Amino acid sequence: MPSICFVAGDPSGDAHGARLIEALTRRNPALTFSGLGGPAMQRAGCSLLDDLTAAAAIGPFDAARHLGRFTRAKRLLDDHLTAHRPDLVILVDFGDFNLPIIAPLVKRHHISTVYYISPQLWAWGRWRLRFVQRYVDRMIVFFPFEETLYKAAGVPVTWVGHPLAESGHPTMSQEEAVKRFSLNPWRMTVGLLPGSREREIARHLPLMLNAARRIAWQMPGIQFLLPRAPAVPASTIRSHLAHARVDICTAEGSVYDALQCMDAAVVASGTATLDTALSGVPMVVVYRTSWPTYLAAKLVLRIPHIALVNVVAGRQIVPELMQHHARPSRIAAEVVALLRNQERCETIRKDLREVGTKLGEPGAVGRAADAVLELLATGPATSRT
């Protein structure tokens, strides 16, 4: 039976990998799956060698704390490739680990490699293109500007669009969501989206709660809604809210059900900014990381914007507050300015709709599965031609 090995290392990559496994299984039920990933991939039918999502890190300095875990995972994968020799290896995002470490390892085993979801080389690591050129047989990317980058570098690439183009829809009406989340339909709602990893939550949620208190002081009657990412334990959220000095409603389930209730949002930089954009919610994007990671990023950053929604737009359409600029007083001031200027909010909503059109047509995961099956059938040499 044809076999595919996956390597994903964070909750987002785990979720994307699981959806790709499901799409591949629908097209060819005889396929078998193994590799490194997380619980979502395991539920989709992947036989896990190790769960890397528990050690999800932000940047190489955070990753250094889990060096032993990653070394063990590499050894497990090396042994697996030797013993079972899958027909194809699919690397899912996780560029600090997959690109310089795992891609060369796979190539030493002379196994074809697909990279699903490009690392952000266009932002900070164009020098790493040499790893892609040398070790990757095909890139499968979400954004059209990534296709342009890899074509110019002579790398076989397939742009499939973004999965959010088909999945970014609520499962219930706005009225039902307001009732489910115990919101007052007559009051304005500000969303708090601190991230999908526990370390992101630790850095962003106290900051957002402090900003929420200031917003509530300036705009009495405002209410706050916090959607919980599936990978974040409910106990983690409760521990932070126990120290909050403002009432916060929490939302379980689809983030799009919660987003449709929001008049504005404070969002940690990442894919959540695209979720928020597809829902047409004006936002303030914030991000904090460790100072070594931040200073290193400043040295190599090659684009003017950090927020993915601004990167896709090609210009700044929502405010960005990074590192020391992400202070509660500054965040609160930006949110209050949005809520008090409906004309500006309408302009932002219009710009966000344009961002949505750049994510491609629905069916991205199916097109990615087709590209994988094509490589399985033809082999890397034909693919490169």
Protein backbone atom coordinates (compact mmCIF):
# COMPACT_ATOMS: atom_id res chain seq x y z
CA MET A 1 0.00 0.00 0.00
CA PRO A 2 1.31 3.51 -0.77
CA SER A 3 2.50 5.24 2.40
CA ILE A 4 3.04 8.90 3.26
CA CYS A 5 5.00 10.24 6.22
CA PHE A 6 4.03 13.63 7.71
CA VAL A 7 6.07 15.96 9.92
CA ALA A 8 4.15 18.73 11.72
CA GLY A 9 5.20 20.43 14.93
CA ASP A 10 2.56 22.83 16.21
CA PRO A 11 -1.25 22.83 16.70
CA SER A 12 -1.88 24.77 13.49
CA GLY A 13 0.28 22.43 11.40
CA ASP A 14 -1.34 19.46 13.11
CA ALA A 15 -4.80 20.72 12.07
CA HIS A 16 -3.73 21.44 8.49
CA GLY A 17 -2.02 18.06 8.24
CA ALA A 18 -5.15 16.30 9.50
CA ARG A 19 -7.34 17.96 6.86
CA LEU A 20 -4.89 16.98 4.13
CA ILE A 21 -4.83 13.38 5.38
CA GLU A 22 -8.64 13.29 5.28
CA ALA A 23 -8.67 14.65 1.71
CA LEU A 24 -6.06 12.11 0.59
CA THR A 25 -7.98 9.26 2.22
CA ARG A 26 -11.17 10.24 0.37
CA ARG A 27 -9.28 10.09 -2.91
CA ASN A 28 -7.32 6.90 -2.16
CA PRO A 29 -8.47 4.84 0.84
CA ALA A 30 -5.50 2.48 0.37
CA LEU A 31 -3.02 5.15 1.51
CA THR A 32 -1.38 4.75 4.92
CA PHE A 33 0.00 7.60 7.03
CA SER A 34 2.67 7.87 9.70
CA GLY A 35 5.02 10.47 11.14
CA LEU A 36 5.40 13.28 13.68
CA GLY A 37 2.40 15.45 14.47
CA GLY A 38 -0.36 15.81 17.01
CA PRO A 39 -3.77 14.56 18.11
CA ALA A 40 -5.68 15.92 15.10
CA MET A 41 -3.48 13.98 12.68
CA GLN A 42 -3.80 10.89 14.84
CA ARG A 43 -7.59 11.13 14.74
CA ALA A 44 -7.40 11.51 10.95
CA GLY A 45 -5.60 8.15 10.68
CA CYS A 46 -1.90 8.97 11.07
CA SER A 47 0.22 6.54 13.10
CA LEU A 48 2.26 8.89 15.30
CA LEU A 49 5.90 8.33 16.12
CA ASP A 50 5.79 11.23 18.58
CA ASP A 51 3.54 14.20 19.45
CA LEU A 52 5.52 17.37 18.76
CA THR A 53 2.65 19.78 19.39
CA ALA A 54 3.26 19.61 23.15
CA ALA A 55 6.66 21.23 22.52
CA ALA A 56 5.38 23.89 20.09
CA ALA A 57 7.76 26.86 20.25
CA ILE A 58 7.86 30.38 18.87
CA GLY A 59 11.21 31.07 17.25
CA PRO A 60 14.56 29.28 17.61
CA PHE A 61 15.33 30.62 21.09
CA ASP A 62 12.08 29.25 22.52
CA ALA A 63 12.71 25.99 20.62
CA ALA A 64 16.09 25.61 22.34
CA ARG A 65 14.23 24.73 25.56
CA HIS A 66 12.90 21.61 23.81
CA LEU A 67 16.15 20.61 22.11
CA GLY A 68 16.12 17.14 23.66
CA ARG A 69 12.56 16.51 22.47
CA PHE A 70 13.37 17.55 18.92
CA THR A 71 16.58 15.49 18.85
CA ARG A 72 14.61 12.43 19.95
CA ALA A 73 11.95 13.10 17.30
CA LYS A 74 14.59 13.36 14.59
CA ARG A 75 16.09 10.04 15.67
CA LEU A 76 12.67 8.36 15.68
CA LEU A 77 11.95 9.67 12.20
CA ASP A 78 15.36 8.58 10.91
CA ASP A 79 14.76 5.04 12.20
CA HIS A 80 11.26 5.02 10.73
CA LEU A 81 12.46 6.11 7.28
CA THR A 82 15.10 3.40 7.35
CA ALA A 83 12.78 0.62 8.49
CA HIS A 84 9.61 1.45 6.54
CA ARG A 85 10.73 3.71 3.69
CA PRO A 86 7.50 5.61 2.89
CA ASP A 87 6.78 6.64 -0.70
CA LEU A 88 6.60 10.35 0.15
CA VAL A 89 7.31 12.71 3.04
CA ILE A 90 5.16 15.81 3.57
CA LEU A 91 6.62 18.57 5.76
CA VAL A 92 3.95 20.86 7.23
CA ASP A 93 5.12 24.41 8.02
CA PHE A 94 7.36 24.45 11.19
CA GLY A 95 10.24 25.97 9.24
CA ASP A 96 12.86 26.18 12.02
CA PHE A 97 12.78 22.37 12.36
CA ASN A 98 11.51 21.00 9.07
CA LEU A 99 13.58 23.04 6.65
CA PRO A 100 17.18 22.89 7.96
CA ILE A 101 16.95 19.59 9.86
CA ILE A 102 14.26 17.27 8.53
CA ALA A 103 14.38 18.10 4.81
CA PRO A 104 18.11 17.15 4.49
CA LEU A 105 17.46 14.00 6.53
CA VAL A 106 14.69 12.89 4.17
CA LYS A 107 16.82 13.61 1.12
CA ARG A 108 19.62 11.42 2.51
CA HIS A 109 17.09 8.58 2.42
CA HIS A 110 16.35 9.44 -1.25
CA ILE A 111 12.63 9.93 -0.58
CA SER A 112 10.54 12.55 -2.40
CA THR A 113 9.62 15.57 -0.29
CA VAL A 114 6.60 17.89 -0.45
CA TYR A 115 6.51 21.03 1.66
CA TYR A 116 2.93 21.94 2.58
CA ILE A 117 2.45 25.52 3.85
CA SER A 118 5.55 27.55 3.15
CA PRO A 119 7.70 28.88 5.98
CA GLN A 120 7.68 32.68 5.89
CA LEU A 121 10.88 32.91 3.85
CA TRP A 122 9.46 35.93 2.05
CA ALA A 123 9.49 37.78 5.38
CA TRP A 124 12.71 36.86 7.14
CA GLY A 125 14.61 34.01 5.58
CA ARG A 126 15.21 34.30 1.84
CA TRP A 127 18.71 32.94 2.46
CA ARG A 128 16.96 29.67 3.37
CA LEU A 129 15.72 29.30 -0.19
CA ARG A 130 18.81 27.20 -0.82
CA PHE A 131 17.39 24.54 1.51
CA VAL A 132 14.18 24.49 -0.52
CA GLN A 133 16.03 24.39 -3.84
CA ARG A 134 18.24 21.53 -2.67
CA TYR A 135 15.90 19.34 -0.64
CA VAL A 136 12.25 19.97 -1.60
CA ASP A 137 10.65 18.38 -4.66
CA ARG A 138 7.49 20.49 -4.57
CA MET A 139 6.17 23.41 -2.53
CA ILE A 140 2.40 23.61 -1.98
CA VAL A 141 1.57 27.18 -0.94
CA PHE A 142 -1.44 29.17 0.26
CA PHE A 143 -0.69 32.66 -1.14
CA PRO A 144 -0.12 33.82 -4.74
CA PHE A 145 2.94 35.90 -3.82
CA GLU A 146 4.58 32.72 -2.49
CA GLU A 147 4.07 31.07 -5.88
CA THR A 148 5.81 34.04 -7.52
CA LEU A 149 8.75 33.79 -5.09
CA TYR A 150 9.38 30.08 -5.66
CA LYS A 151 8.91 30.22 -9.42
CA ALA A 152 11.55 32.96 -9.58
CA ALA A 153 13.88 30.69 -7.57
CA GLY A 154 13.29 27.73 -9.91
CA VAL A 155 11.43 25.68 -7.29
CA PRO A 156 8.48 23.50 -8.43
CA VAL A 157 5.47 25.09 -6.76
CA THR A 158 1.68 24.73 -6.69
CA TRP A 159 -0.57 27.50 -5.37
CA VAL A 160 -3.78 25.95 -4.07
CA GLY A 161 -5.34 28.90 -2.26
CA HIS A 162 -6.06 29.07 1.46
CA PRO A 163 -8.28 26.52 3.25
CA LEU A 164 -9.96 29.37 5.09
CA ALA A 165 -11.67 30.34 1.83
CA GLU A 166 -14.03 27.40 2.34
CA SER A 167 -13.96 26.84 6.09
CA GLY A 168 -14.33 30.43 7.27
CA HIS A 169 -18.08 30.37 7.90
CA PRO A 170 -20.17 30.33 11.11
CA THR A 171 -22.23 27.29 12.02
CA MET A 172 -25.14 29.29 13.46
CA SER A 173 -26.87 32.63 13.04
CA GLN A 174 -25.62 35.74 14.82
CA GLU A 175 -28.72 35.80 17.04
CA GLU A 176 -28.11 32.19 18.09
CA ALA A 177 -24.43 32.90 18.78
CA VAL A 178 -25.21 35.97 20.91
CA LYS A 179 -27.57 33.87 23.02
CA ARG A 180 -25.20 30.92 23.27
CA PHE A 181 -22.29 33.07 24.48
CA SER A 182 -24.47 34.97 26.99
CA LEU A 183 -23.94 38.33 25.28
CA ASN A 184 -26.19 41.38 25.45
CA PRO A 185 -27.37 42.07 21.87
CA TRP A 186 -27.66 45.81 22.59
CA ARG A 187 -24.07 46.27 23.73
CA MET A 188 -20.91 46.55 21.64
CA THR A 189 -18.60 43.53 21.77
CA VAL A 190 -14.80 43.46 21.61
CA GLY A 191 -13.12 40.13 20.87
CA LEU A 192 -9.87 38.93 22.45
CA LEU A 193 -7.89 36.38 20.41
CA PRO A 194 -4.56 35.78 22.20
CA GLY A 195 -3.29 32.84 20.10
CA SER A 196 -3.44 29.06 19.87
CA ARG A 197 -0.35 28.06 21.90
CA GLU A 198 0.00 28.15 25.66
CA ARG A 199 3.12 30.31 25.47
CA GLU A 200 1.28 32.79 23.26
CA ILE A 201 -1.58 32.81 25.75
CA ALA A 202 0.86 33.51 28.59
CA ARG A 203 2.34 36.49 26.73
CA HIS A 204 -0.80 37.96 25.21
CA LEU A 205 -3.82 37.25 27.39
CA PRO A 206 -2.72 39.24 30.50
CA LEU A 207 -1.86 42.10 28.15
CA MET A 208 -5.29 41.93 26.50
CA LEU A 209 -7.13 41.69 29.82
CA ASN A 210 -5.34 44.79 31.05
CA ALA A 211 -6.28 46.59 27.83
CA ALA A 212 -9.89 45.38 28.20
CA ARG A 213 -10.10 46.97 31.64
CA ARG A 214 -8.98 50.30 30.17
CA ILE A 215 -11.43 50.02 27.28
CA ALA A 216 -14.29 49.33 29.70
CA TRP A 217 -13.31 52.36 31.75
CA GLN A 218 -13.40 54.61 28.66
CA MET A 219 -16.54 53.03 27.17
CA PRO A 220 -18.85 51.81 29.96
CA GLY A 221 -21.22 49.08 28.82
CA ILE A 222 -18.74 47.41 26.48
CA GLN A 223 -18.57 43.59 26.66
CA PHE A 224 -15.72 41.21 25.83
CA LEU A 225 -15.71 37.79 24.17
CA LEU A 226 -12.79 35.35 24.30
CA PRO A 227 -12.92 32.33 21.92
CA ARG A 228 -10.86 29.40 23.20
CA ALA A 229 -8.60 27.75 20.62
CA PRO A 230 -9.13 23.96 20.62
CA ALA A 231 -5.46 23.29 21.43
CA VAL A 232 -5.57 25.48 24.56
CA PRO A 233 -6.79 23.75 27.75
CA ALA A 234 -9.83 25.38 29.36
CA SER A 235 -7.93 25.39 32.66
CA THR A 236 -5.30 27.69 31.13
CA ILE A 237 -7.94 30.24 30.18
CA ARG A 238 -9.67 29.99 33.57
CA SER A 239 -6.41 30.58 35.43
CA HIS A 240 -5.88 33.87 33.59
CA LEU A 241 -9.49 35.02 33.87
CA ALA A 242 -9.39 34.41 37.63
CA HIS A 243 -7.11 37.46 37.90
CA ALA A 244 -8.98 39.63 35.39
CA ARG A 245 -10.51 42.85 36.69
CA VAL A 246 -13.17 42.89 33.98
CA ASP A 247 -15.97 40.47 33.01
CA ILE A 248 -15.10 38.27 30.04
CA CYS A 249 -17.47 35.93 28.20
CA THR A 250 -15.82 32.83 26.76
CA ALA A 251 -16.78 30.98 23.57
CA GLU A 252 -16.35 27.30 22.79
CA GLY A 253 -16.63 25.77 19.33
CA SER A 254 -16.15 27.44 15.94
CA VAL A 255 -14.25 30.71 16.15
CA TYR A 256 -16.41 32.05 13.31
CA ASP A 257 -19.52 31.76 15.49
CA ALA A 258 -17.81 34.08 17.97
CA LEU A 259 -16.31 36.45 15.39
CA GLN A 260 -19.69 37.33 13.91
CA CYS A 261 -20.68 38.78 17.29
CA MET A 262 -17.75 41.23 17.47
CA ASP A 263 -17.65 44.92 16.61
CA ALA A 264 -13.84 44.99 16.93
CA ALA A 265 -11.11 42.64 18.12
CA VAL A 266 -7.61 42.49 19.56
CA VAL A 267 -5.84 39.66 17.73
CA ALA A 268 -2.45 38.02 18.18
CA SER A 269 -0.53 38.09 14.89
CA GLY A 270 -0.93 34.88 12.91
CA THR A 271 -3.60 32.98 11.02
CA ALA A 272 -6.23 34.36 13.42
CA THR A 273 -5.90 37.71 11.65
CA LEU A 274 -7.15 36.01 8.45
CA ASP A 275 -10.03 34.38 10.38
CA THR A 276 -10.95 37.83 11.68
CA ALA A 277 -10.58 39.39 8.22
CA LEU A 278 -12.92 36.84 6.63
CA SER A 279 -15.52 37.76 9.24
CA GLY A 280 -15.11 41.45 8.42
CA VAL A 281 -14.17 42.45 11.97
CA PRO A 282 -11.96 45.57 12.35
CA MET A 283 -8.98 44.60 14.48
CA VAL A 284 -5.85 45.70 16.27
CA VAL A 285 -3.02 43.18 15.80
CA VAL A 286 -0.57 42.65 18.65
CA TYR A 287 2.38 40.36 19.18
CA ARG A 288 5.03 39.73 21.80
CA THR A 289 7.80 37.15 21.80
CA SER A 290 11.02 36.65 23.73
CA TRP A 291 13.49 39.50 23.40
CA PRO A 292 16.24 37.35 21.80
CA THR A 293 13.75 36.15 19.16
CA TYR A 294 12.49 39.69 18.58
CA LEU A 295 15.98 41.18 18.19
CA ALA A 296 17.04 38.38 15.86
CA ALA A 297 13.89 38.91 13.77
CA LYS A 298 14.62 42.65 13.52
CA LEU A 299 17.96 41.84 11.92
CA VAL A 300 16.54 39.64 9.16
CA LEU A 301 13.03 41.01 8.59
CA ARG A 302 12.57 42.11 4.98
CA ILE A 303 8.92 43.23 4.84
CA PRO A 304 7.28 46.39 6.25
CA HIS A 305 4.38 44.59 7.97
CA ILE A 306 4.08 41.71 10.43
CA ALA A 307 0.34 41.06 10.54
CA LEU A 308 -0.56 38.43 7.94
CA VAL A 309 -3.69 40.34 6.95
CA ASN A 310 -1.52 43.37 6.07
CA VAL A 311 1.04 41.18 4.27
CA VAL A 312 -1.69 39.68 2.06
CA ALA A 313 -3.16 43.13 1.40
CA GLY A 314 0.28 44.50 0.48
CA ARG A 315 -0.28 47.52 2.73
CA GLN A 316 -1.33 48.36 6.27
CA ILE A 317 -5.10 48.19 6.64
CA VAL A 318 -5.23 47.41 10.39
CA PRO A 319 -2.99 48.72 13.21
CA GLU A 320 0.00 46.61 14.29
CA LEU A 321 1.49 46.83 17.79
CA MET A 322 4.58 44.67 18.27
CA GLN A 323 6.76 43.91 21.29
CA HIS A 324 7.27 47.06 23.45
CA HIS A 325 4.66 48.95 21.41
CA ALA A 326 2.04 46.40 22.51
CA ARG A 327 1.18 48.13 25.77
CA PRO A 328 -2.30 47.98 27.37
CA SER A 329 -2.78 51.75 27.12
CA ARG A 330 -1.82 51.78 23.42
CA ILE A 331 -4.01 48.77 22.60
CA ALA A 332 -6.97 50.31 24.42
CA ALA A 333 -6.51 53.63 22.62
CA GLU A 334 -6.49 51.94 19.20
CA VAL A 335 -9.61 49.88 19.96
CA VAL A 336 -11.55 52.85 21.34
CA ALA A 337 -10.57 54.92 18.28
CA LEU A 338 -11.99 52.17 16.03
CA LEU A 339 -15.24 51.84 17.95
CA ARG A 340 -15.80 55.61 17.93
CA ASN A 341 -15.14 56.02 14.20
CA GLN A 342 -17.70 54.05 12.21
CA GLU A 343 -16.50 55.53 8.91
CA ARG A 344 -13.02 54.14 9.53
CA CYS A 345 -14.51 50.77 10.50
CA GLU A 346 -16.43 50.60 7.23
CA THR A 347 -13.25 51.37 5.28
CA ILE A 348 -11.44 48.58 7.11
CA ARG A 349 -14.30 46.14 6.44
CA LYS A 350 -14.12 46.96 2.73
CA ASP A 351 -10.36 46.35 2.72
CA LEU A 352 -10.82 43.08 4.59
CA ARG A 353 -13.25 41.86 1.93
CA GLU A 354 -10.53 42.47 -0.67
CA VAL A 355 -8.10 40.40 1.42
CA GLY A 356 -10.64 37.56 1.36
CA THR A 357 -10.63 37.54 -2.44
CA LYS A 358 -6.84 36.99 -2.43
CA LEU A 359 -7.18 33.69 -0.56
CA GLY A 360 -8.34 31.88 -3.69
CA GLU A 361 -11.41 29.77 -4.41
CA PRO A 362 -12.84 27.11 -2.07
CA GLY A 363 -11.30 23.64 -2.40
CA ALA A 364 -7.68 24.40 -1.40
CA VAL A 365 -7.16 21.19 0.59
CA GLY A 366 -8.57 19.08 -2.25
CA ARG A 367 -6.22 20.74 -4.74
CA ALA A 368 -3.31 20.11 -2.37
CA ALA A 369 -4.29 16.43 -2.15
CA ASP A 370 -4.39 16.22 -5.95
CA ALA A 371 -0.89 17.73 -6.17
CA VAL A 372 0.40 15.16 -3.65
CA LEU A 373 -1.15 12.26 -5.54
CA GLU A 374 0.33 13.58 -8.79
CA LEU A 375 3.80 13.57 -7.26
CA LEU A 376 3.22 10.07 -5.92
CA ALA A 377 2.26 8.89 -9.39
CA THR A 378 4.94 10.67 -11.44
CA GLY A 379 7.91 10.92 -9.09
CA PRO A 380 10.07 13.98 -8.35
CA ALA A 381 11.96 14.07 -11.66
CA THR A 382 8.79 14.48 -13.74
CA SER A 383 7.43 16.93 -11.17
CA ARG A 384 10.53 19.14 -11.46
CA THR A 385 10.24 19.09 -15.24
